[in-house]
């Protein structure tokens, strides 16, 4: 009987040690997963920064700086506005005369749908 009790005690002790080892293994796994996640996040951030830097270099090389682009757009807008202003000045008088002709030369007529009974 004592040997059975002793055997049960040994089994319980072994089961307890196994449970502790499993718990420790789970903790190590959780720590490793967290560490791997942190490393991946850090690597992703480095990659993102590198790609952003490369894009900014590409943008600066092919498009110029943002200030340069804004200045070019502003200059193009001024040129187009000046062209439009010149077009208005050259065509203004003939358009006014044509509109006045329509206003002055009114020929009153009875509408085709008018029904006089």
Protein backbone atom coordinates (compact mmCIF):
# COMPACT_ATOMS: atom_id res chain seq x y z
CA UNK A 1 0.00 0.00 0.00
CA UNK A 2 2.79 2.37 0.85
CA UNK A 3 4.38 1.67 -2.50
CA UNK A 4 1.11 2.51 -4.27
CA UNK A 5 0.82 5.78 -2.37
CA UNK A 6 4.43 6.52 -3.09
CA UNK A 7 3.84 5.74 -6.80
CA UNK A 8 0.79 8.03 -6.86
CA UNK A 9 2.83 10.76 -5.17
CA UNK A 10 5.55 10.34 -7.79
CA UNK A 11 2.96 10.51 -10.58
CA UNK A 12 1.41 13.64 -9.08
CA UNK A 13 4.85 15.22 -8.68
CA UNK A 14 5.71 14.30 -12.29
CA UNK A 15 2.38 15.68 -13.49
CA UNK A 16 3.01 18.90 -11.57
CA UNK A 17 6.50 19.23 -13.09
CA UNK A 18 5.07 18.56 -16.55
CA UNK A 19 2.37 21.21 -16.03
CA UNK A 20 5.02 23.69 -14.89
CA UNK A 21 7.18 22.91 -17.93
CA UNK A 22 4.17 23.32 -20.23
CA UNK A 23 3.28 26.62 -18.56
CA UNK A 24 6.89 27.81 -18.87
CA UNK A 25 6.95 26.74 -22.52
CA UNK A 26 3.73 28.70 -23.16
CA UNK A 27 5.23 31.75 -21.49
CA UNK A 28 8.38 31.44 -23.63
CA UNK A 29 6.23 31.05 -26.73
CA UNK A 30 4.16 34.13 -25.84
CA UNK A 31 7.36 36.15 -25.18
CA UNK A 32 8.84 34.99 -28.49
CA UNK A 33 5.65 35.83 -30.39
CA UNK A 34 5.58 39.30 -28.84
CA UNK A 35 9.26 39.76 -29.67
CA UNK A 36 8.69 38.59 -33.26
CA UNK A 37 5.73 40.97 -33.59
CA UNK A 38 7.81 43.88 -32.28
CA UNK A 39 10.65 43.01 -34.67
CA UNK A 40 8.22 42.79 -37.60
CA UNK A 41 6.65 46.13 -36.68
CA UNK A 42 10.07 47.74 -36.48
CA UNK A 43 11.08 46.24 -39.83
CA UNK A 44 7.85 47.42 -41.45
CA UNK A 45 8.40 50.94 -40.13
CA UNK A 46 11.98 50.98 -41.47
CA UNK A 47 10.75 49.76 -44.86
CA UNK A 48 7.99 52.39 -44.93
CA UNK A 49 10.46 55.16 -44.10
CA UNK A 50 12.87 53.95 -46.77
CA UNK A 51 10.13 53.82 -49.42
CA UNK A 52 8.87 57.26 -48.41
CA UNK A 53 12.39 58.67 -48.65
CA UNK A 54 12.86 57.07 -52.08
CA UNK A 55 9.52 58.49 -53.25
CA UNK A 56 10.43 61.98 -52.08
CA UNK A 57 13.74 61.73 -53.95
CA UNK A 58 11.92 60.56 -57.07
CA UNK A 59 9.35 63.33 -56.72
CA UNK A 60 12.04 65.97 -56.27
CA UNK A 61 14.01 64.63 -59.23
CA UNK A 62 11.10 64.38 -61.65
CA UNK A 63 8.73 67.11 -60.50
CA UNK A 64 10.90 69.52 -58.62
CA UNK A 65 10.13 70.79 -55.20
CA UNK A 66 6.59 71.56 -54.15
CA UNK A 67 7.40 75.25 -54.10
CA UNK A 68 8.75 74.99 -57.65
CA UNK A 69 5.63 73.21 -58.82
CA UNK A 70 3.41 75.77 -57.12
CA UNK A 71 5.38 78.63 -58.70
CA UNK A 72 5.09 77.01 -62.15
CA UNK A 73 1.34 76.53 -61.76
CA UNK A 74 0.99 80.14 -60.59
CA UNK A 75 2.98 81.42 -63.58
CA UNK A 76 0.93 79.30 -66.02
CA UNK A 77 -2.28 80.64 -64.46
CA UNK A 78 -1.12 84.23 -64.86
CA UNK A 79 -0.26 83.62 -68.53
CA UNK A 80 -3.67 82.05 -69.20
CA UNK A 81 -5.47 84.88 -67.41
CA UNK A 82 -3.54 87.45 -69.44
CA UNK A 83 -4.45 85.60 -72.67
CA UNK A 84 -8.11 85.56 -71.64
CA UNK A 85 -8.00 89.27 -70.82
CA UNK A 86 -6.50 90.06 -74.25
CA UNK A 87 -9.17 87.92 -75.95
CA UNK A 88 -11.89 89.76 -74.04
CA UNK A 89 -10.48 93.15 -75.03
CA UNK A 90 -10.22 92.23 -78.72
CA UNK A 91 -13.68 90.63 -78.98
CA UNK A 92 -15.59 92.80 -76.53
CA UNK A 93 -16.77 95.53 -78.94
CA UNK A 94 -17.98 93.22 -81.74
CA UNK A 95 -19.92 91.10 -79.26
CA UNK A 96 -21.56 94.17 -77.72
CA UNK A 97 -22.51 95.42 -81.20
CA UNK A 98 -24.02 92.06 -82.13
CA UNK A 99 -26.07 91.95 -78.93
CA UNK A 100 -27.29 95.51 -79.55
CA UNK A 101 -28.32 94.55 -83.10
CA UNK A 102 -30.51 91.79 -81.68
CA UNK A 103 -32.03 94.23 -79.20
CA UNK A 104 -32.61 97.03 -81.74
CA UNK A 105 -33.87 94.93 -84.64
CA UNK A 106 -36.99 93.46 -83.18
CA UNK A 107 -39.66 92.50 -85.67
CA UNK A 108 -42.93 91.91 -83.88
CA UNK A 109 -44.89 88.92 -85.17
CA UNK A 110 -47.87 86.97 -84.04
CA UNK A 111 -46.83 83.69 -82.50
CA UNK A 112 -47.58 80.65 -84.64
CA UNK A 113 -49.70 79.12 -81.87
CA UNK A 114 -51.87 82.18 -81.47
CA UNK A 115 -55.51 81.36 -82.27
CA UNK A 116 -57.62 84.41 -83.07
CA UNK A 117 -61.33 83.55 -83.00
